[in-house]
Amino acid sequence: MQCEMCGATIQGQPKRVRIEGAVLDVCGQCARYGTEVMQPKKTEPKRPGAAKPAMSLPVRKSRDVLDLIEGEIVDDYGERIRNARMQQGLTQKDLAMSIKEKELLIKKIEKGDLIPEDDVRVKIERALGIRLLDVPEEAEERKKAGKVVPTLGDVISIKKPKK
């Protein structure tokens, strides 16, 4: 094997060294120019019937943003916003100032050029008293019924030792 720094033939094992941020396999003479990098230990290939290693921690599944969405935004959201705004006698500028957003954003949303993000949608819904989400019927029924799924904390009772 050749030294990656000087090109000389390496006698024995090469030394893995970090020089100027690059990790190189070098000879003993060139190793002094950098800091030695520890080489990871090689693992033995798994043999069938060998003892299993200790269990690793379970991988926590990250929540998807789409799981948190109640429903989909209605197709005619721009028209609904415009009608509700006009019924209240507000201009686009007045609505924008009341929800602390830019007037251009309101114009684009009303035209249908831009779908409002969730935080903007919620502000518009509160300001105009309208709903822009098309909620599935089963989700609406669950809200009305007040059906709550019990959690572990609801089921378990912890007994404290008396002193």
C-alpha atoms as a PDB file:
ATOM      1  CA  MET A   1       0.000   0.000   0.000  1.00  0.00           C
ATOM      2  CA  GLN A   2       1.224   3.530  -0.729  1.00  0.00           C
ATOM      3  CA  CYS A   3       1.226   6.521   1.605  1.00  0.00           C
ATOM      4  CA  GLU A   4      -1.519   8.920   0.519  1.00  0.00           C
ATOM      5  CA  MET A   5       0.684  11.877   1.420  1.00  0.00           C
ATOM      6  CA  CYS A   6       4.215  11.182   0.140  1.00  0.00           C
ATOM      7  CA  GLY A   7       3.553   8.171  -2.126  1.00  0.00           C
ATOM      8  CA  ALA A   8       6.126   5.907  -0.440  1.00  0.00           C
ATOM      9  CA  THR A   9       5.387   2.218   0.068  1.00  0.00           C
ATOM     10  CA  ILE A  10       4.064   1.611   3.585  1.00  0.00           C
ATOM     11  CA  GLN A  11       5.763  -1.184   5.546  1.00  0.00           C
ATOM     12  CA  GLY A  12       3.256  -2.889   7.894  1.00  0.00           C
ATOM     13  CA  GLN A  13      -0.015  -1.268   8.915  1.00  0.00           C
ATOM     14  CA  PRO A  14      -0.783   2.245   7.616  1.00  0.00           C
ATOM     15  CA  LYS A  15      -1.709   4.908  10.146  1.00  0.00           C
ATOM     16  CA  ARG A  16      -5.019   6.695   9.724  1.00  0.00           C
ATOM     17  CA  VAL A  17      -4.387  10.419  10.344  1.00  0.00           C
ATOM     18  CA  ARG A  18      -6.436  13.601  10.043  1.00  0.00           C
ATOM     19  CA  ILE A  19      -4.456  16.290   8.238  1.00  0.00           C
ATOM     20  CA  GLU A  20      -6.133  19.623   7.472  1.00  0.00           C
ATOM     21  CA  GLY A  21      -9.540  18.006   7.875  1.00  0.00           C
ATOM     22  CA  ALA A  22      -8.834  15.107   5.500  1.00  0.00           C
ATOM     23  CA  VAL A  23      -8.493  11.562   6.824  1.00  0.00           C
ATOM     24  CA  LEU A  24      -5.577   9.796   5.119  1.00  0.00           C
ATOM     25  CA  ASP A  25      -3.781   6.449   5.381  1.00  0.00           C
ATOM     26  CA  VAL A  26      -0.121   7.443   5.704  1.00  0.00           C
ATOM     27  CA  CYS A  27       3.316   6.028   6.556  1.00  0.00           C
ATOM     28  CA  GLY A  28       4.981   6.435   9.956  1.00  0.00           C
ATOM     29  CA  GLN A  29       6.998   9.492   8.853  1.00  0.00           C
ATOM     30  CA  CYS A  30       3.985  11.411   7.525  1.00  0.00           C
ATOM     31  CA  ALA A  31       1.851  10.526  10.561  1.00  0.00           C
ATOM     32  CA  ARG A  32       3.586  13.289  12.572  1.00  0.00           C
ATOM     33  CA  TYR A  33       1.926  15.961  10.390  1.00  0.00           C
ATOM     34  CA  GLY A  34      -1.552  15.194  11.680  1.00  0.00           C
ATOM     35  CA  THR A  35      -3.519  13.672  14.518  1.00  0.00           C
ATOM     36  CA  GLU A  36      -4.197   9.961  14.608  1.00  0.00           C
ATOM     37  CA  VAL A  37      -7.808   8.907  14.109  1.00  0.00           C
ATOM     38  CA  MET A  38      -9.157   5.913  15.982  1.00  0.00           C
ATOM     39  CA  GLN A  39     -10.277   3.134  13.662  1.00  0.00           C
ATOM     40  CA  PRO A  40     -13.622   1.519  14.434  1.00  0.00           C
ATOM     41  CA  LYS A  41     -13.404  -2.074  15.602  1.00  0.00           C
ATOM     42  CA  LYS A  42     -14.479  -4.596  13.040  1.00  0.00           C
ATOM     43  CA  THR A  43     -17.575  -6.500  14.083  1.00  0.00           C
ATOM     44  CA  GLU A  44     -17.778 -10.219  13.638  1.00  0.00           C
ATOM     45  CA  PRO A  45     -20.281 -11.456  11.093  1.00  0.00           C
ATOM     46  CA  LYS A  46     -23.447 -12.765  12.714  1.00  0.00           C
ATOM     47  CA  ARG A  47     -23.607 -16.486  13.096  1.00  0.00           C
ATOM     48  CA  PRO A  48     -26.901 -18.330  13.147  1.00  0.00           C
ATOM     49  CA  GLY A  49     -27.765 -19.521  16.634  1.00  0.00           C
ATOM     50  CA  ALA A  50     -25.485 -16.966  18.305  1.00  0.00           C
ATOM     51  CA  ALA A  51     -26.751 -15.104  21.358  1.00  0.00           C
ATOM     52  CA  LYS A  52     -28.780 -12.051  20.481  1.00  0.00           C
ATOM     53  CA  PRO A  53     -27.469  -8.672  21.594  1.00  0.00           C
ATOM     54  CA  ALA A  54     -29.386  -6.693  24.191  1.00  0.00           C
ATOM     55  CA  MET A  55     -32.553  -5.100  22.861  1.00  0.00           C
ATOM     56  CA  SER A  56     -32.157  -1.576  21.624  1.00  0.00           C
ATOM     57  CA  LEU A  57     -34.516   1.195  22.575  1.00  0.00           C
ATOM     58  CA  PRO A  58     -37.686   1.347  20.505  1.00  0.00           C
ATOM     59  CA  VAL A  59     -37.633   3.840  17.687  1.00  0.00           C
ATOM     60  CA  ARG A  60     -40.139   6.603  18.275  1.00  0.00           C
ATOM     61  CA  LYS A  61     -42.263   7.270  15.216  1.00  0.00           C
ATOM     62  CA  SER A  62     -42.297  10.938  14.369  1.00  0.00           C
ATOM     63  CA  ARG A  63     -45.693  12.497  13.986  1.00  0.00           C
ATOM     64  CA  ASP A  64     -46.661  13.574  10.545  1.00  0.00           C
ATOM     65  CA  VAL A  65     -48.101  17.063  10.170  1.00  0.00           C
ATOM     66  CA  LEU A  66     -50.807  15.648   7.936  1.00  0.00           C
ATOM     67  CA  ASP A  67     -52.066  13.506  10.842  1.00  0.00           C
ATOM     68  CA  LEU A  68     -52.893  16.648  12.810  1.00  0.00           C
ATOM     69  CA  ILE A  69     -55.047  18.238  10.097  1.00  0.00           C
ATOM     70  CA  GLU A  70     -58.759  18.103  10.882  1.00  0.00           C
ATOM     71  CA  GLY A  71     -59.991  18.268   7.297  1.00  0.00           C
ATOM     72  CA  GLU A  72     -59.315  19.827   3.920  1.00  0.00           C
ATOM     73  CA  ILE A  73     -59.754  23.452   2.991  1.00  0.00           C
ATOM     74  CA  VAL A  74     -62.890  24.080   0.940  1.00  0.00           C
ATOM     75  CA  ASP A  75     -62.541  24.719  -2.780  1.00  0.00           C
ATOM     76  CA  ASP A  76     -64.309  28.095  -2.728  1.00  0.00           C
ATOM     77  CA  TYR A  77     -62.351  29.536   0.212  1.00  0.00           C
ATOM     78  CA  GLY A  78     -61.591  32.796  -1.619  1.00  0.00           C
ATOM     79  CA  GLU A  79     -65.233  33.444  -2.381  1.00  0.00           C
ATOM     80  CA  ARG A  80     -66.309  32.619   1.185  1.00  0.00           C
ATOM     81  CA  ILE A  81     -63.735  35.022   2.615  1.00  0.00           C
ATOM     82  CA  ARG A  82     -64.753  37.797   0.203  1.00  0.00           C
ATOM     83  CA  ASN A  83     -68.490  37.352   0.937  1.00  0.00           C
ATOM     84  CA  ALA A  84     -67.992  37.299   4.721  1.00  0.00           C
ATOM     85  CA  ARG A  85     -65.708  40.332   4.559  1.00  0.00           C
ATOM     86  CA  MET A  86     -68.174  42.306   2.465  1.00  0.00           C
ATOM     87  CA  GLN A  87     -71.101  41.373   4.745  1.00  0.00           C
ATOM     88  CA  GLN A  88     -69.212  42.888   7.652  1.00  0.00           C
ATOM     89  CA  GLY A  89     -68.428  45.988   5.559  1.00  0.00           C
ATOM     90  CA  LEU A  90     -64.670  45.516   5.713  1.00  0.00           C
ATOM     91  CA  THR A  91     -62.149  46.308   3.010  1.00  0.00           C
ATOM     92  CA  GLN A  92     -59.230  43.997   2.307  1.00  0.00           C
ATOM     93  CA  LYS A  93     -56.990  46.485   4.087  1.00  0.00           C
ATOM     94  CA  ASP A  94     -59.246  46.512   7.183  1.00  0.00           C
ATOM     95  CA  LEU A  95     -59.246  42.705   7.342  1.00  0.00           C
ATOM     96  CA  ALA A  96     -55.482  42.580   6.892  1.00  0.00           C
ATOM     97  CA  MET A  97     -54.956  45.085   9.704  1.00  0.00           C
ATOM     98  CA  SER A  98     -57.335  43.243  12.043  1.00  0.00           C
ATOM     99  CA  ILE A  99     -55.488  39.913  11.637  1.00  0.00           C
ATOM    100  CA  LYS A 100     -52.056  41.609  11.436  1.00  0.00           C
ATOM    101  CA  GLU A 101     -51.198  40.339   7.966  1.00  0.00           C
ATOM    102  CA  LYS A 102     -50.363  42.107   4.703  1.00  0.00           C
ATOM    103  CA  GLU A 103     -53.117  43.345   2.397  1.00  0.00           C
ATOM    104  CA  LEU A 104     -51.446  41.638  -0.581  1.00  0.00           C
ATOM    105  CA  LEU A 105     -51.783  38.289   1.205  1.00  0.00           C
ATOM    106  CA  ILE A 106     -55.544  38.815   1.614  1.00  0.00           C
ATOM    107  CA  LYS A 107     -55.875  39.789  -2.060  1.00  0.00           C
ATOM    108  CA  LYS A 108     -54.061  36.656  -3.232  1.00  0.00           C
ATOM    109  CA  ILE A 109     -56.090  34.412  -0.924  1.00  0.00           C
ATOM    110  CA  GLU A 110     -59.383  35.906  -2.102  1.00  0.00           C
ATOM    111  CA  LYS A 111     -58.358  35.487  -5.755  1.00  0.00           C
ATOM    112  CA  GLY A 112     -57.531  31.842  -5.088  1.00  0.00           C
ATOM    113  CA  ASP A 113     -53.895  32.290  -6.092  1.00  0.00           C
ATOM    114  CA  LEU A 114     -52.693  31.335  -2.612  1.00  0.00           C
ATOM    115  CA  ILE A 115     -53.978  28.756  -0.147  1.00  0.00           C
ATOM    116  CA  PRO A 116     -53.778  30.218   3.359  1.00  0.00           C
ATOM    117  CA  GLU A 117     -51.466  28.534   5.845  1.00  0.00           C
ATOM    118  CA  ASP A 118     -53.062  27.157   8.995  1.00  0.00           C
ATOM    119  CA  ASP A 119     -52.201  30.100  11.243  1.00  0.00           C
ATOM    120  CA  VAL A 120     -53.510  32.647   8.705  1.00  0.00           C
ATOM    121  CA  ARG A 121     -56.598  30.510   8.052  1.00  0.00           C
ATOM    122  CA  VAL A 122     -57.415  30.407  11.767  1.00  0.00           C
ATOM    123  CA  LYS A 123     -57.020  34.201  12.040  1.00  0.00           C
ATOM    124  CA  ILE A 124     -59.351  34.759   9.081  1.00  0.00           C
ATOM    125  CA  GLU A 125     -61.921  32.302  10.449  1.00  0.00           C
ATOM    126  CA  ARG A 126     -61.964  34.066  13.824  1.00  0.00           C
ATOM    127  CA  ALA A 127     -62.106  37.559  12.343  1.00  0.00           C
ATOM    128  CA  LEU A 128     -64.943  36.758   9.930  1.00  0.00           C
ATOM    129  CA  GLY A 129     -66.760  34.060  11.897  1.00  0.00           C
ATOM    130  CA  ILE A 130     -66.600  31.460   9.097  1.00  0.00           C
ATOM    131  CA  ARG A 131     -65.240  27.917   8.611  1.00  0.00           C
ATOM    132  CA  LEU A 132     -62.824  27.207   5.765  1.00  0.00           C
ATOM    133  CA  LEU A 133     -62.194  23.534   6.537  1.00  0.00           C
ATOM    134  CA  ASP A 134     -64.300  20.727   5.174  1.00  0.00           C
ATOM    135  CA  VAL A 135     -64.351  18.451   8.234  1.00  0.00           C
ATOM    136  CA  PRO A 136     -65.185  14.770   7.663  1.00  0.00           C
ATOM    137  CA  GLU A 137     -68.516  13.710   9.168  1.00  0.00           C
ATOM    138  CA  GLU A 138     -67.059  11.146  11.592  1.00  0.00           C
ATOM    139  CA  ALA A 139     -64.720  13.769  13.085  1.00  0.00           C
ATOM    140  CA  GLU A 140     -67.645  16.140  13.532  1.00  0.00           C
ATOM    141  CA  GLU A 141     -69.705  13.400  15.194  1.00  0.00           C
ATOM    142  CA  ARG A 142     -66.843  12.592  17.587  1.00  0.00           C
ATOM    143  CA  LYS A 143     -66.662  16.235  18.648  1.00  0.00           C
ATOM    144  CA  LYS A 144     -70.414  16.440  19.215  1.00  0.00           C
ATOM    145  CA  ALA A 145     -70.570  13.169  21.123  1.00  0.00           C
ATOM    146  CA  GLY A 146     -67.641  14.223  23.268  1.00  0.00           C
ATOM    147  CA  LYS A 147     -66.173  10.774  22.930  1.00  0.00           C
ATOM    148  CA  VAL A 148     -62.805  10.690  24.634  1.00  0.00           C
ATOM    149  CA  VAL A 149     -60.344   7.873  24.180  1.00  0.00           C
ATOM    150  CA  PRO A 150     -58.928   6.887  27.577  1.00  0.00           C
ATOM    151  CA  THR A 151     -55.201   7.144  28.080  1.00  0.00           C
ATOM    152  CA  LEU A 152     -52.976   5.115  30.367  1.00  0.00           C
ATOM    153  CA  GLY A 153     -53.179   7.877  32.965  1.00  0.00           C
ATOM    154  CA  ASP A 154     -56.981   7.543  33.035  1.00  0.00           C
ATOM    155  CA  VAL A 155     -56.862   3.805  33.584  1.00  0.00           C
ATOM    156  CA  ILE A 156     -54.017   3.359  36.050  1.00  0.00           C
ATOM    157  CA  SER A 157     -54.199   4.201  39.727  1.00  0.00           C
ATOM    158  CA  ILE A 158     -50.968   4.777  41.580  1.00  0.00           C
ATOM    159  CA  LYS A 159     -50.888   3.719  45.197  1.00  0.00           C
ATOM    160  CA  LYS A 160     -48.528   5.721  47.330  1.00  0.00           C
ATOM    161  CA  PRO A 161     -46.995   4.004  50.349  1.00  0.00           C
ATOM    162  CA  LYS A 162     -48.136   5.372  53.685  1.00  0.00           C
ATOM    163  CA  LYS A 163     -45.396   6.715  55.912  1.00  0.00           C
END
